Each structure stands twice: as C-alpha cells, then as structure tokens.
Amino acid sequence: MRGGYLPPDGFDLSAAAVLLVDMTNDFGHPDGAYARHGASCEPLTAIVPAVARLTTAAQTAGRPVVLCSQYVLTGADGRAVAAAGLVAARPWLLEEGLRRDTWGTRQLADLPPADFVVDKPRASGFFATPLDLLLRDLGVNTVVVVGGFTNQCVAATVRDAWALDYTVVLPPDGSACFDPALHDATLESLRPLTAQPTVATLVEAWSTPR
C-alpha cells in the first residue's frame, strides 16, 4: 500500500530481554491499591499464566527478565508531589498507592521473580530510569514487552524502545487493559513498530534447541 508501513522483518530472541511492565501488587492483586479503590485487577490476573510461561521460558534460555515498576514520587509527608496526570485520573494516589519500596510496587507473587527491577516514575520503563543502560550492558538488542496496561505504560515503553532502536516484540496475549477494544486498537496502532507473535510462539522459540 502506498504510504503504508512495512511490518518488522522478523525477530531474534538470542539477545532478547523480557520487560514486565507494572505486573505488581497495587495494579494486579485483589488487595492492591487499584482494587481497593474500585479498579478491577482482573485484566492483569488474567494474563498472569501466559506471562509466567513466557518468563520461565526466557529465563530457562538464559535471557534476562526486567520488572519495570511504576511508583509515585512523594514528599516527606508521604503525599504525591509528581505525576500530576496520573493523580488527576486516580485522586486517591495523592495519599496512597504505588509507593516506592512497598508491597504495592513489588512483583506479583504468581510470577517467577524478575532478574532485575527498574523503578519508573512515569509510564515508560525508559523515561528517567537506567533501563536502557542496563539492557545495553546486558547485550540486549530485542525487548519482549508484556504487562499492563496495553494503552498506557506498555504502549509508552514500546514507543521508547523503538525510538532507542531496539527490536520490539509485543505478544497480543501478554498484555491487557481495562477495555478490550482499546487493547486491540493499541495493538493495531503499534503494529508498524512491533512484531506481534503469541506467547506460545515465543515459548516454543525459546524452548527449541539451537
């Protein structure tokens, strides 16, 4: 099609890392801050089995898994002092939730522990974090991005990874958001930037002897 984008020409998992975006208690646990304030944790709990299979396959193949965990910057009184847009959307975050070094920002227990944790003060795993430096030091040139939410932190991380010249793999069944239609629309909008194999395809690729 004239003016259209060519899809990515395949991907190589031999130098890949898995980025777990916000698969943490405050987002995905029934006792987490989001659930306590009426936001369903079901979108993330639904993808936990698939993400667990993926991360296990990656780690078995010797590839690193990095948790990118959202937190809110706070003052000495514990109140949020940044992320105005996020706090405006979720006013209760002014007082609690997504606090650094708390249970809420730790990885969901039903997932294999990540090899590395990067705390992120904004949506993208790359913005104002050492993630790019870590991946370069690990020799990573491809990132497999999974987690939540597809239209927000996953999309922001994908776009920054692409801008930093990583090959980006975005399995459709490895991320989720509150609105399935928005999930599908986001995947379609990111199609020019990403390869989108299923989790099963990636697990098989990592499990096949070379």
N, C-alpha and C. Protein backbone atom coordinates (compact mmCIF):
# COMPACT_ATOMS: atom_id res chain seq x y z
N MET A 1 0.84 -1.20 0.00
CA MET A 1 0.00 0.00 0.00
C MET A 1 0.87 1.24 0.00
N ARG A 2 0.57 2.17 -0.88
CA ARG A 2 1.37 3.39 -0.94
C ARG A 2 1.22 4.19 0.35
N GLY A 3 2.36 4.61 0.88
CA GLY A 3 2.33 5.38 2.13
C GLY A 3 2.22 4.53 3.37
N GLY A 4 2.10 3.22 3.21
CA GLY A 4 1.95 2.35 4.37
C GLY A 4 3.29 1.97 4.97
N TYR A 5 3.22 1.34 6.13
CA TYR A 5 4.42 0.88 6.82
C TYR A 5 4.64 -0.60 6.52
N LEU A 6 5.89 -0.97 6.32
CA LEU A 6 6.23 -2.38 6.25
C LEU A 6 6.31 -2.93 7.66
N PRO A 7 5.77 -4.12 7.92
CA PRO A 7 5.88 -4.70 9.26
C PRO A 7 7.33 -5.08 9.54
N PRO A 8 7.71 -5.22 10.81
CA PRO A 8 9.07 -5.64 11.14
C PRO A 8 9.43 -6.96 10.46
N ASP A 9 10.66 -7.06 10.04
CA ASP A 9 11.12 -8.23 9.30
C ASP A 9 11.65 -9.28 10.28
N GLY A 10 10.72 -9.92 11.01
CA GLY A 10 11.09 -10.97 11.94
C GLY A 10 11.75 -10.45 13.20
N PHE A 11 12.24 -11.37 14.02
CA PHE A 11 12.89 -11.02 15.28
C PHE A 11 13.80 -12.16 15.69
N ASP A 12 14.78 -11.84 16.52
CA ASP A 12 15.77 -12.81 17.00
C ASP A 12 15.79 -12.74 18.52
N LEU A 13 15.47 -13.85 19.18
CA LEU A 13 15.39 -13.86 20.63
C LEU A 13 16.70 -14.18 21.31
N SER A 14 17.77 -14.39 20.54
CA SER A 14 19.04 -14.80 21.15
C SER A 14 19.67 -13.70 21.99
N ALA A 15 19.31 -12.44 21.73
CA ALA A 15 19.81 -11.31 22.53
C ALA A 15 18.65 -10.49 23.06
N ALA A 16 17.59 -11.19 23.47
CA ALA A 16 16.37 -10.51 23.93
C ALA A 16 16.29 -10.47 25.45
N ALA A 17 15.48 -9.54 25.94
CA ALA A 17 15.08 -9.48 27.34
C ALA A 17 13.58 -9.32 27.40
N VAL A 18 12.98 -9.82 28.46
CA VAL A 18 11.55 -9.62 28.70
C VAL A 18 11.38 -8.44 29.64
N LEU A 19 10.53 -7.50 29.27
CA LEU A 19 10.18 -6.38 30.14
C LEU A 19 8.79 -6.61 30.71
N LEU A 20 8.72 -6.79 32.02
CA LEU A 20 7.45 -6.94 32.72
C LEU A 20 6.99 -5.56 33.15
N VAL A 21 5.98 -5.03 32.52
CA VAL A 21 5.53 -3.67 32.81
C VAL A 21 4.40 -3.72 33.84
N ASP A 22 4.69 -3.20 35.03
CA ASP A 22 3.68 -2.99 36.08
C ASP A 22 2.90 -4.25 36.46
N MET A 23 3.55 -5.39 36.43
CA MET A 23 2.93 -6.61 36.95
C MET A 23 3.20 -6.66 38.45
N THR A 24 2.58 -5.71 39.16
CA THR A 24 2.85 -5.50 40.58
C THR A 24 1.56 -5.55 41.39
N ASN A 25 1.71 -5.61 42.71
CA ASN A 25 0.56 -5.83 43.59
C ASN A 25 -0.47 -4.72 43.53
N ASP A 26 -0.05 -3.47 43.51
CA ASP A 26 -1.03 -2.39 43.52
C ASP A 26 -1.91 -2.42 42.27
N PHE A 27 -1.36 -2.89 41.15
CA PHE A 27 -2.15 -2.97 39.93
C PHE A 27 -2.93 -4.28 39.81
N GLY A 28 -2.32 -5.40 40.23
CA GLY A 28 -2.87 -6.69 39.86
C GLY A 28 -3.27 -7.62 40.97
N HIS A 29 -3.19 -7.18 42.22
CA HIS A 29 -3.57 -8.05 43.34
C HIS A 29 -4.91 -7.58 43.92
N PRO A 30 -5.78 -8.50 44.34
CA PRO A 30 -7.07 -8.10 44.91
C PRO A 30 -6.95 -7.19 46.13
N ASP A 31 -5.82 -7.24 46.83
CA ASP A 31 -5.61 -6.36 47.98
C ASP A 31 -4.82 -5.10 47.62
N GLY A 32 -4.51 -4.94 46.34
CA GLY A 32 -3.72 -3.80 45.91
C GLY A 32 -4.51 -2.51 45.88
N ALA A 33 -3.80 -1.41 45.71
CA ALA A 33 -4.43 -0.08 45.77
C ALA A 33 -5.50 0.10 44.70
N TYR A 34 -5.25 -0.37 43.49
CA TYR A 34 -6.24 -0.18 42.43
C TYR A 34 -7.54 -0.91 42.77
N ALA A 35 -7.44 -2.17 43.21
CA ALA A 35 -8.64 -2.93 43.56
C ALA A 35 -9.36 -2.31 44.75
N ARG A 36 -8.59 -1.83 45.72
CA ARG A 36 -9.21 -1.21 46.90
C ARG A 36 -10.02 0.02 46.54
N HIS A 37 -9.65 0.66 45.45
CA HIS A 37 -10.36 1.87 45.04
C HIS A 37 -11.25 1.65 43.83
N GLY A 38 -11.64 0.40 43.60
CA GLY A 38 -12.69 0.12 42.64
C GLY A 38 -12.24 -0.19 41.22
N ALA A 39 -10.94 -0.22 40.97
CA ALA A 39 -10.44 -0.57 39.63
C ALA A 39 -10.16 -2.07 39.60
N SER A 40 -10.72 -2.77 38.65
CA SER A 40 -10.58 -4.21 38.60
C SER A 40 -9.13 -4.63 38.36
N CYS A 41 -8.71 -5.66 39.08
CA CYS A 41 -7.38 -6.23 38.85
C CYS A 41 -7.45 -7.40 37.87
N GLU A 42 -8.66 -7.73 37.41
CA GLU A 42 -8.84 -8.91 36.56
C GLU A 42 -8.08 -8.85 35.24
N PRO A 43 -7.96 -7.68 34.59
CA PRO A 43 -7.19 -7.67 33.33
C PRO A 43 -5.77 -8.21 33.50
N LEU A 44 -5.11 -7.86 34.61
CA LEU A 44 -3.75 -8.34 34.81
C LEU A 44 -3.72 -9.77 35.33
N THR A 45 -4.61 -10.13 36.23
CA THR A 45 -4.61 -11.50 36.74
C THR A 45 -4.90 -12.49 35.61
N ALA A 46 -5.66 -12.07 34.62
CA ALA A 46 -6.00 -12.97 33.51
C ALA A 46 -4.79 -13.35 32.67
N ILE A 47 -3.80 -12.45 32.59
CA ILE A 47 -2.64 -12.75 31.75
C ILE A 47 -1.47 -13.34 32.54
N VAL A 48 -1.61 -13.46 33.85
CA VAL A 48 -0.52 -13.99 34.66
C VAL A 48 -0.05 -15.37 34.18
N PRO A 49 -0.94 -16.33 33.90
CA PRO A 49 -0.44 -17.64 33.45
C PRO A 49 0.40 -17.56 32.18
N ALA A 50 -0.04 -16.78 31.20
CA ALA A 50 0.72 -16.65 29.96
C ALA A 50 2.06 -15.96 30.20
N VAL A 51 2.05 -14.90 31.01
CA VAL A 51 3.28 -14.18 31.29
C VAL A 51 4.24 -15.06 32.08
N ALA A 52 3.72 -15.87 32.99
CA ALA A 52 4.57 -16.79 33.75
C ALA A 52 5.24 -17.80 32.83
N ARG A 53 4.50 -18.34 31.86
CA ARG A 53 5.10 -19.28 30.91
C ARG A 53 6.19 -18.61 30.10
N LEU A 54 5.93 -17.37 29.70
CA LEU A 54 6.91 -16.65 28.89
C LEU A 54 8.18 -16.36 29.67
N THR A 55 8.04 -15.86 30.88
CA THR A 55 9.23 -15.51 31.66
C THR A 55 10.02 -16.76 32.05
N THR A 56 9.33 -17.84 32.34
CA THR A 56 10.02 -19.10 32.64
C THR A 56 10.84 -19.56 31.44
N ALA A 57 10.23 -19.50 30.26
CA ALA A 57 10.94 -19.92 29.04
C ALA A 57 12.15 -19.04 28.79
N ALA A 58 11.99 -17.73 28.98
CA ALA A 58 13.10 -16.81 28.76
C ALA A 58 14.24 -17.09 29.73
N GLN A 59 13.93 -17.22 31.00
CA GLN A 59 14.98 -17.45 32.00
C GLN A 59 15.64 -18.81 31.82
N THR A 60 14.87 -19.81 31.42
CA THR A 60 15.45 -21.12 31.15
C THR A 60 16.44 -21.05 29.99
N ALA A 61 16.14 -20.18 29.03
CA ALA A 61 17.03 -19.99 27.88
C ALA A 61 18.18 -19.03 28.19
N GLY A 62 18.25 -18.56 29.44
CA GLY A 62 19.35 -17.68 29.83
C GLY A 62 19.14 -16.22 29.49
N ARG A 63 17.89 -15.84 29.22
CA ARG A 63 17.61 -14.46 28.87
C ARG A 63 17.04 -13.70 30.09
N PRO A 64 17.43 -12.44 30.27
CA PRO A 64 17.01 -11.69 31.46
C PRO A 64 15.57 -11.21 31.41
N VAL A 65 14.99 -11.14 32.58
CA VAL A 65 13.64 -10.59 32.76
C VAL A 65 13.76 -9.37 33.68
N VAL A 66 13.18 -8.26 33.25
CA VAL A 66 13.27 -7.00 33.99
C VAL A 66 11.87 -6.53 34.36
N LEU A 67 11.62 -6.36 35.64
CA LEU A 67 10.36 -5.75 36.09
C LEU A 67 10.50 -4.24 36.04
N CYS A 68 9.58 -3.58 35.32
CA CYS A 68 9.51 -2.12 35.29
C CYS A 68 8.32 -1.70 36.15
N SER A 69 8.60 -1.16 37.33
CA SER A 69 7.58 -0.95 38.35
C SER A 69 7.28 0.54 38.54
N GLN A 70 6.03 0.91 38.29
CA GLN A 70 5.59 2.30 38.44
C GLN A 70 5.56 2.70 39.91
N TYR A 71 6.04 3.90 40.19
CA TYR A 71 5.89 4.46 41.53
C TYR A 71 5.58 5.94 41.42
N VAL A 72 5.08 6.49 42.49
CA VAL A 72 4.74 7.91 42.56
C VAL A 72 5.72 8.60 43.49
N LEU A 73 6.36 9.65 43.01
CA LEU A 73 7.26 10.43 43.86
C LEU A 73 6.47 11.12 44.96
N THR A 74 7.00 11.08 46.18
CA THR A 74 6.30 11.64 47.33
C THR A 74 7.20 12.56 48.14
N GLY A 75 6.56 13.41 48.94
CA GLY A 75 7.29 14.26 49.87
C GLY A 75 7.47 13.58 51.21
N ALA A 76 8.02 14.32 52.15
CA ALA A 76 8.29 13.76 53.47
C ALA A 76 7.01 13.33 54.18
N ASP A 77 5.87 13.94 53.82
CA ASP A 77 4.59 13.58 54.43
C ASP A 77 3.91 12.40 53.75
N GLY A 78 4.56 11.84 52.72
CA GLY A 78 4.00 10.69 52.04
C GLY A 78 3.02 11.03 50.93
N ARG A 79 2.73 12.30 50.73
CA ARG A 79 1.79 12.70 49.68
C ARG A 79 2.52 12.85 48.35
N ALA A 80 1.80 12.54 47.27
CA ALA A 80 2.39 12.62 45.94
C ALA A 80 2.80 14.04 45.62
N VAL A 81 3.99 14.20 45.03
CA VAL A 81 4.47 15.52 44.64
C VAL A 81 4.69 15.60 43.12
N ALA A 82 4.41 14.51 42.41
CA ALA A 82 4.64 14.49 40.97
C ALA A 82 3.58 13.61 40.33
N ALA A 83 3.73 13.35 39.00
CA ALA A 83 2.77 12.54 38.25
C ALA A 83 1.37 13.14 38.34
N ALA A 84 1.29 14.44 38.05
CA ALA A 84 0.02 15.15 38.19
C ALA A 84 -1.08 14.53 37.35
N GLY A 85 -0.74 14.09 36.14
CA GLY A 85 -1.76 13.49 35.28
C GLY A 85 -2.31 12.20 35.86
N LEU A 86 -1.42 11.36 36.39
CA LEU A 86 -1.85 10.10 36.99
C LEU A 86 -2.69 10.35 38.23
N VAL A 87 -2.27 11.30 39.05
CA VAL A 87 -3.01 11.60 40.28
C VAL A 87 -4.37 12.22 39.95
N ALA A 88 -4.43 13.02 38.88
CA ALA A 88 -5.71 13.59 38.48
C ALA A 88 -6.69 12.50 38.07
N ALA A 89 -6.17 11.45 37.41
CA ALA A 89 -7.03 10.36 36.98
C ALA A 89 -7.40 9.43 38.13
N ARG A 90 -6.50 9.29 39.10
CA ARG A 90 -6.72 8.43 40.26
C ARG A 90 -6.43 9.26 41.51
N PRO A 91 -7.38 10.12 41.95
CA PRO A 91 -7.09 11.09 43.03
C PRO A 91 -6.59 10.46 44.32
N TRP A 92 -6.96 9.21 44.59
CA TRP A 92 -6.52 8.56 45.82
C TRP A 92 -5.01 8.32 45.84
N LEU A 93 -4.37 8.37 44.66
CA LEU A 93 -2.92 8.23 44.63
C LEU A 93 -2.21 9.40 45.30
N LEU A 94 -2.92 10.49 45.54
CA LEU A 94 -2.33 11.59 46.28
C LEU A 94 -1.90 11.14 47.66
N GLU A 95 -2.67 10.24 48.27
CA GLU A 95 -2.43 9.82 49.64
C GLU A 95 -1.79 8.44 49.77
N GLU A 96 -2.08 7.53 48.82
CA GLU A 96 -1.56 6.17 48.97
C GLU A 96 -1.58 5.44 47.64
N GLY A 97 -0.78 4.36 47.61
CA GLY A 97 -0.68 3.53 46.42
C GLY A 97 0.54 3.86 45.58
N LEU A 98 1.14 2.84 44.98
CA LEU A 98 2.31 2.99 44.11
C LEU A 98 3.46 3.70 44.82
N ARG A 99 3.64 3.41 46.10
CA ARG A 99 4.75 3.99 46.86
C ARG A 99 5.99 3.11 46.70
N ARG A 100 7.10 3.74 46.48
CA ARG A 100 8.35 3.03 46.24
C ARG A 100 8.75 2.20 47.46
N ASP A 101 9.31 1.03 47.21
CA ASP A 101 9.80 0.14 48.27
C ASP A 101 8.70 -0.31 49.21
N THR A 102 7.50 -0.50 48.69
CA THR A 102 6.40 -1.04 49.47
C THR A 102 5.89 -2.32 48.80
N TRP A 103 5.05 -3.04 49.52
CA TRP A 103 4.44 -4.25 48.95
C TRP A 103 3.74 -3.95 47.64
N GLY A 104 3.10 -2.80 47.54
CA GLY A 104 2.31 -2.48 46.36
C GLY A 104 3.10 -2.41 45.07
N THR A 105 4.36 -2.02 45.15
CA THR A 105 5.17 -1.89 43.94
C THR A 105 6.07 -3.11 43.72
N ARG A 106 5.84 -4.17 44.50
CA ARG A 106 6.59 -5.41 44.28
C ARG A 106 5.86 -6.30 43.28
N GLN A 107 6.61 -7.20 42.67
CA GLN A 107 6.08 -8.07 41.63
C GLN A 107 5.03 -9.03 42.18
N LEU A 108 4.02 -9.31 41.36
CA LEU A 108 3.01 -10.30 41.73
C LEU A 108 3.68 -11.64 42.03
N ALA A 109 3.27 -12.26 43.12
CA ALA A 109 3.94 -13.47 43.61
C ALA A 109 3.75 -14.67 42.70
N ASP A 110 2.71 -14.66 41.86
CA ASP A 110 2.45 -15.81 40.99
C ASP A 110 3.34 -15.84 39.75
N LEU A 111 4.21 -14.86 39.62
CA LEU A 111 5.16 -14.83 38.51
C LEU A 111 6.55 -15.22 39.00
N PRO A 112 7.34 -15.87 38.15
CA PRO A 112 8.74 -16.13 38.54
C PRO A 112 9.44 -14.80 38.82
N PRO A 113 10.26 -14.73 39.86
CA PRO A 113 10.92 -13.46 40.19
C PRO A 113 11.75 -12.94 39.02
N ALA A 114 11.64 -11.63 38.78
CA ALA A 114 12.44 -11.00 37.74
C ALA A 114 13.91 -11.01 38.14
N ASP A 115 14.77 -10.94 37.14
CA ASP A 115 16.20 -10.89 37.39
C ASP A 115 16.66 -9.49 37.81
N PHE A 116 15.93 -8.47 37.34
CA PHE A 116 16.26 -7.09 37.65
C PHE A 116 14.96 -6.32 37.86
N VAL A 117 15.04 -5.27 38.67
CA VAL A 117 13.89 -4.38 38.90
C VAL A 117 14.31 -2.95 38.58
N VAL A 118 13.52 -2.28 37.75
CA VAL A 118 13.74 -0.87 37.43
C VAL A 118 12.50 -0.11 37.88
N ASP A 119 12.68 0.81 38.82
CA ASP A 119 11.58 1.65 39.28
C ASP A 119 11.40 2.81 38.31
N LYS A 120 10.17 3.04 37.88
CA LYS A 120 9.92 4.09 36.88
C LYS A 120 8.94 5.12 37.43
N PRO A 121 9.27 6.41 37.33
CA PRO A 121 8.39 7.44 37.86
C PRO A 121 7.30 7.89 36.89
N ARG A 122 7.34 7.37 35.67
CA ARG A 122 6.35 7.72 34.66
C ARG A 122 5.94 6.46 33.91
N ALA A 123 5.14 6.61 32.87
CA ALA A 123 4.57 5.46 32.18
C ALA A 123 5.63 4.57 31.56
N SER A 124 6.57 5.15 30.85
CA SER A 124 7.56 4.36 30.12
C SER A 124 8.61 3.77 31.04
N GLY A 125 9.01 2.54 30.75
CA GLY A 125 10.09 1.93 31.50
C GLY A 125 11.44 2.58 31.26
N PHE A 126 11.53 3.39 30.19
CA PHE A 126 12.79 4.02 29.83
C PHE A 126 12.93 5.45 30.34
N PHE A 127 11.83 6.14 30.57
CA PHE A 127 11.89 7.56 30.92
C PHE A 127 12.42 7.75 32.34
N ALA A 128 13.54 8.47 32.47
CA ALA A 128 14.14 8.79 33.78
C ALA A 128 14.49 7.54 34.58
N THR A 129 14.92 6.48 33.89
CA THR A 129 15.34 5.24 34.55
C THR A 129 16.65 4.76 33.92
N PRO A 130 17.33 3.80 34.55
CA PRO A 130 18.56 3.23 33.97
C PRO A 130 18.29 2.04 33.06
N LEU A 131 17.05 1.85 32.60
CA LEU A 131 16.72 0.65 31.84
C LEU A 131 17.55 0.51 30.57
N ASP A 132 17.69 1.57 29.81
CA ASP A 132 18.46 1.49 28.57
C ASP A 132 19.91 1.10 28.87
N LEU A 133 20.50 1.72 29.88
CA LEU A 133 21.87 1.40 30.27
C LEU A 133 21.99 -0.06 30.68
N LEU A 134 21.04 -0.55 31.47
CA LEU A 134 21.06 -1.94 31.90
C LEU A 134 21.00 -2.88 30.70
N LEU A 135 20.08 -2.62 29.78
CA LEU A 135 19.93 -3.50 28.63
C LEU A 135 21.17 -3.49 27.75
N ARG A 136 21.75 -2.31 27.54
CA ARG A 136 22.98 -2.24 26.73
C ARG A 136 24.10 -3.04 27.40
N ASP A 137 24.22 -2.91 28.72
CA ASP A 137 25.27 -3.64 29.43
C ASP A 137 25.05 -5.15 29.36
N LEU A 138 23.80 -5.57 29.24
CA LEU A 138 23.48 -6.98 29.14
C LEU A 138 23.58 -7.50 27.71
N GLY A 139 23.88 -6.62 26.77
CA GLY A 139 23.99 -7.03 25.38
C GLY A 139 22.65 -7.28 24.71
N VAL A 140 21.61 -6.65 25.21
CA VAL A 140 20.25 -6.86 24.69
C VAL A 140 19.99 -5.94 23.50
N ASN A 141 19.42 -6.50 22.44
CA ASN A 141 19.01 -5.68 21.30
C ASN A 141 17.54 -5.85 20.94
N THR A 142 16.86 -6.75 21.65
CA THR A 142 15.45 -7.03 21.40
C THR A 142 14.71 -7.08 22.73
N VAL A 143 13.55 -6.44 22.81
CA VAL A 143 12.77 -6.49 24.04
C VAL A 143 11.39 -7.09 23.75
N VAL A 144 10.99 -7.99 24.62
CA VAL A 144 9.64 -8.56 24.58
C VAL A 144 8.86 -7.88 25.70
N VAL A 145 7.87 -7.10 25.32
CA VAL A 145 7.16 -6.25 26.28
C VAL A 145 5.82 -6.87 26.63
N VAL A 146 5.59 -7.10 27.93
CA VAL A 146 4.33 -7.66 28.41
C VAL A 146 3.89 -6.90 29.65
N GLY A 147 2.61 -7.04 30.01
CA GLY A 147 2.13 -6.44 31.25
C GLY A 147 0.96 -5.50 31.04
N GLY A 148 0.90 -4.47 31.86
CA GLY A 148 -0.24 -3.56 31.82
C GLY A 148 0.19 -2.11 31.93
N PHE A 149 -0.61 -1.24 31.47
CA PHE A 149 -1.78 -1.56 30.67
C PHE A 149 -1.45 -1.28 29.21
N THR A 150 -2.06 -2.04 28.31
CA THR A 150 -1.65 -2.01 26.90
C THR A 150 -1.61 -0.60 26.34
N ASN A 151 -2.64 0.17 26.62
CA ASN A 151 -2.78 1.51 26.02
C ASN A 151 -2.01 2.59 26.77
N GLN A 152 -1.42 2.24 27.90
CA GLN A 152 -0.74 3.25 28.69
C GLN A 152 0.74 2.92 28.84
N CYS A 153 1.12 2.24 29.92
CA CYS A 153 2.54 2.03 30.20
C CYS A 153 3.19 1.07 29.21
N VAL A 154 2.45 0.07 28.74
CA VAL A 154 3.01 -0.82 27.72
C VAL A 154 3.29 -0.05 26.44
N ALA A 155 2.31 0.72 25.98
CA ALA A 155 2.50 1.49 24.75
C ALA A 155 3.63 2.50 24.87
N ALA A 156 3.73 3.17 26.01
CA ALA A 156 4.79 4.16 26.21
C ALA A 156 6.16 3.48 26.19
N THR A 157 6.26 2.32 26.82
CA THR A 157 7.53 1.59 26.85
C THR A 157 7.90 1.09 25.46
N VAL A 158 6.91 0.60 24.73
CA VAL A 158 7.15 0.13 23.36
C VAL A 158 7.67 1.25 22.48
N ARG A 159 7.03 2.40 22.55
CA ARG A 159 7.44 3.51 21.67
C ARG A 159 8.84 4.01 22.01
N ASP A 160 9.17 4.07 23.28
CA ASP A 160 10.52 4.49 23.66
C ASP A 160 11.55 3.45 23.25
N ALA A 161 11.23 2.17 23.41
CA ALA A 161 12.15 1.12 22.99
C ALA A 161 12.42 1.21 21.50
N TRP A 162 11.38 1.41 20.73
CA TRP A 162 11.53 1.54 19.28
C TRP A 162 12.38 2.77 18.93
N ALA A 163 12.15 3.88 19.63
CA ALA A 163 12.91 5.09 19.37
C ALA A 163 14.39 4.91 19.71
N LEU A 164 14.68 4.00 20.64
CA LEU A 164 16.06 3.71 21.04
C LEU A 164 16.67 2.59 20.19
N ASP A 165 15.98 2.20 19.13
CA ASP A 165 16.48 1.23 18.15
C ASP A 165 16.52 -0.20 18.63
N TYR A 166 15.71 -0.54 19.63
CA TYR A 166 15.52 -1.95 19.95
C TYR A 166 14.51 -2.56 18.99
N THR A 167 14.69 -3.84 18.69
CA THR A 167 13.62 -4.60 18.06
C THR A 167 12.59 -4.89 19.14
N VAL A 168 11.32 -4.60 18.86
CA VAL A 168 10.29 -4.72 19.89
C VAL A 168 9.31 -5.84 19.52
N VAL A 169 9.11 -6.75 20.46
CA VAL A 169 8.18 -7.86 20.30
C VAL A 169 7.05 -7.65 21.32
N LEU A 170 5.82 -7.67 20.82
CA LEU A 170 4.66 -7.35 21.66
C LEU A 170 3.59 -8.44 21.49
N PRO A 171 3.67 -9.52 22.28
CA PRO A 171 2.67 -10.58 22.13
C PRO A 171 1.28 -10.10 22.53
N PRO A 172 0.28 -10.24 21.68
CA PRO A 172 -1.05 -9.72 21.98
C PRO A 172 -1.68 -10.31 23.24
N ASP A 173 -1.33 -11.55 23.57
CA ASP A 173 -1.89 -12.19 24.76
C ASP A 173 -1.01 -12.04 25.98
N GLY A 174 -0.02 -11.15 25.89
CA GLY A 174 0.87 -10.91 27.02
C GLY A 174 0.65 -9.57 27.69
N SER A 175 -0.34 -8.82 27.23
CA SER A 175 -0.66 -7.54 27.86
C SER A 175 -2.17 -7.40 27.95
N ALA A 176 -2.62 -6.40 28.71
CA ALA A 176 -4.06 -6.23 28.92
C ALA A 176 -4.35 -4.80 29.34
N CYS A 177 -5.60 -4.41 29.16
CA CYS A 177 -6.08 -3.13 29.71
C CYS A 177 -7.55 -3.28 30.09
N PHE A 178 -8.13 -2.25 30.64
CA PHE A 178 -9.50 -2.34 31.15
C PHE A 178 -10.53 -2.52 30.05
N ASP A 179 -10.25 -2.03 28.85
CA ASP A 179 -11.20 -2.08 27.73
C ASP A 179 -10.61 -2.94 26.62
N PRO A 180 -11.18 -4.12 26.35
CA PRO A 180 -10.64 -4.98 25.30
C PRO A 180 -10.55 -4.30 23.94
N ALA A 181 -11.51 -3.43 23.63
CA ALA A 181 -11.47 -2.73 22.35
C ALA A 181 -10.26 -1.80 22.29
N LEU A 182 -9.94 -1.17 23.40
CA LEU A 182 -8.77 -0.29 23.45
C LEU A 182 -7.48 -1.11 23.37
N HIS A 183 -7.48 -2.28 23.97
CA HIS A 183 -6.34 -3.19 23.84
C HIS A 183 -6.08 -3.50 22.36
N ASP A 184 -7.13 -3.89 21.66
CA ASP A 184 -6.98 -4.25 20.24
C ASP A 184 -6.56 -3.04 19.41
N ALA A 185 -7.13 -1.88 19.69
CA ALA A 185 -6.79 -0.68 18.92
C ALA A 185 -5.34 -0.28 19.15
N THR A 186 -4.87 -0.43 20.39
CA THR A 186 -3.48 -0.08 20.69
C THR A 186 -2.52 -1.03 19.97
N LEU A 187 -2.83 -2.32 20.00
CA LEU A 187 -2.00 -3.28 19.27
C LEU A 187 -1.93 -2.93 17.79
N GLU A 188 -3.06 -2.56 17.22
CA GLU A 188 -3.07 -2.21 15.80
C GLU A 188 -2.25 -0.96 15.54
N SER A 189 -2.33 0.03 16.43
CA SER A 189 -1.56 1.27 16.24
C SER A 189 -0.06 1.03 16.37
N LEU A 190 0.32 0.00 17.14
CA LEU A 190 1.74 -0.31 17.35
C LEU A 190 2.27 -1.34 16.35
N ARG A 191 1.42 -1.83 15.48
CA ARG A 191 1.83 -2.87 14.55
C ARG A 191 3.01 -2.45 13.66
N PRO A 192 3.09 -1.19 13.20
CA PRO A 192 4.25 -0.81 12.39
C PRO A 192 5.58 -0.85 13.14
N LEU A 193 5.53 -0.83 14.48
CA LEU A 193 6.75 -0.77 15.29
C LEU A 193 7.14 -2.10 15.89
N THR A 194 6.25 -3.08 15.84
CA THR A 194 6.43 -4.28 16.64
C THR A 194 6.15 -5.55 15.86
N ALA A 195 6.84 -6.62 16.23
CA ALA A 195 6.42 -7.97 15.86
C ALA A 195 5.43 -8.43 16.92
N GLN A 196 4.38 -9.14 16.52
CA GLN A 196 3.32 -9.50 17.46
C GLN A 196 2.98 -10.99 17.43
N PRO A 197 3.97 -11.84 17.71
CA PRO A 197 3.68 -13.28 17.84
C PRO A 197 2.98 -13.56 19.16
N THR A 198 2.34 -14.70 19.26
CA THR A 198 1.69 -15.08 20.51
C THR A 198 2.73 -15.52 21.54
N VAL A 199 2.30 -15.57 22.79
CA VAL A 199 3.16 -16.08 23.84
C VAL A 199 3.59 -17.51 23.53
N ALA A 200 2.68 -18.34 23.04
CA ALA A 200 3.02 -19.73 22.72
C ALA A 200 4.13 -19.81 21.69
N THR A 201 4.09 -18.92 20.70
CA THR A 201 5.13 -18.90 19.67
C THR A 201 6.49 -18.56 20.28
N LEU A 202 6.50 -17.59 21.18
CA LEU A 202 7.76 -17.19 21.82
C LEU A 202 8.29 -18.28 22.74
N VAL A 203 7.41 -18.91 23.50
CA VAL A 203 7.82 -20.00 24.38
C VAL A 203 8.43 -21.13 23.56
N GLU A 204 7.80 -21.47 22.45
CA GLU A 204 8.34 -22.52 21.60
C GLU A 204 9.70 -22.14 21.03
N ALA A 205 9.83 -20.87 20.64
CA ALA A 205 11.10 -20.43 20.07
C ALA A 205 12.22 -20.52 21.09
N TRP A 206 11.94 -20.16 22.35
CA TRP A 206 12.96 -20.24 23.39
C TRP A 206 13.22 -21.69 23.81
N SER A 207 12.25 -22.55 23.59
CA SER A 207 12.38 -23.93 24.04
C SER A 207 13.04 -24.83 22.99
N THR A 208 13.12 -24.36 21.75
CA THR A 208 13.68 -25.17 20.68
C THR A 208 15.20 -25.12 20.72
N PRO A 209 15.87 -26.25 20.84
CA PRO A 209 17.34 -26.25 20.87
C PRO A 209 17.92 -25.66 19.60
N ARG A 210 19.00 -24.91 19.76
CA ARG A 210 19.66 -24.31 18.60
C ARG A 210 20.86 -25.16 18.19
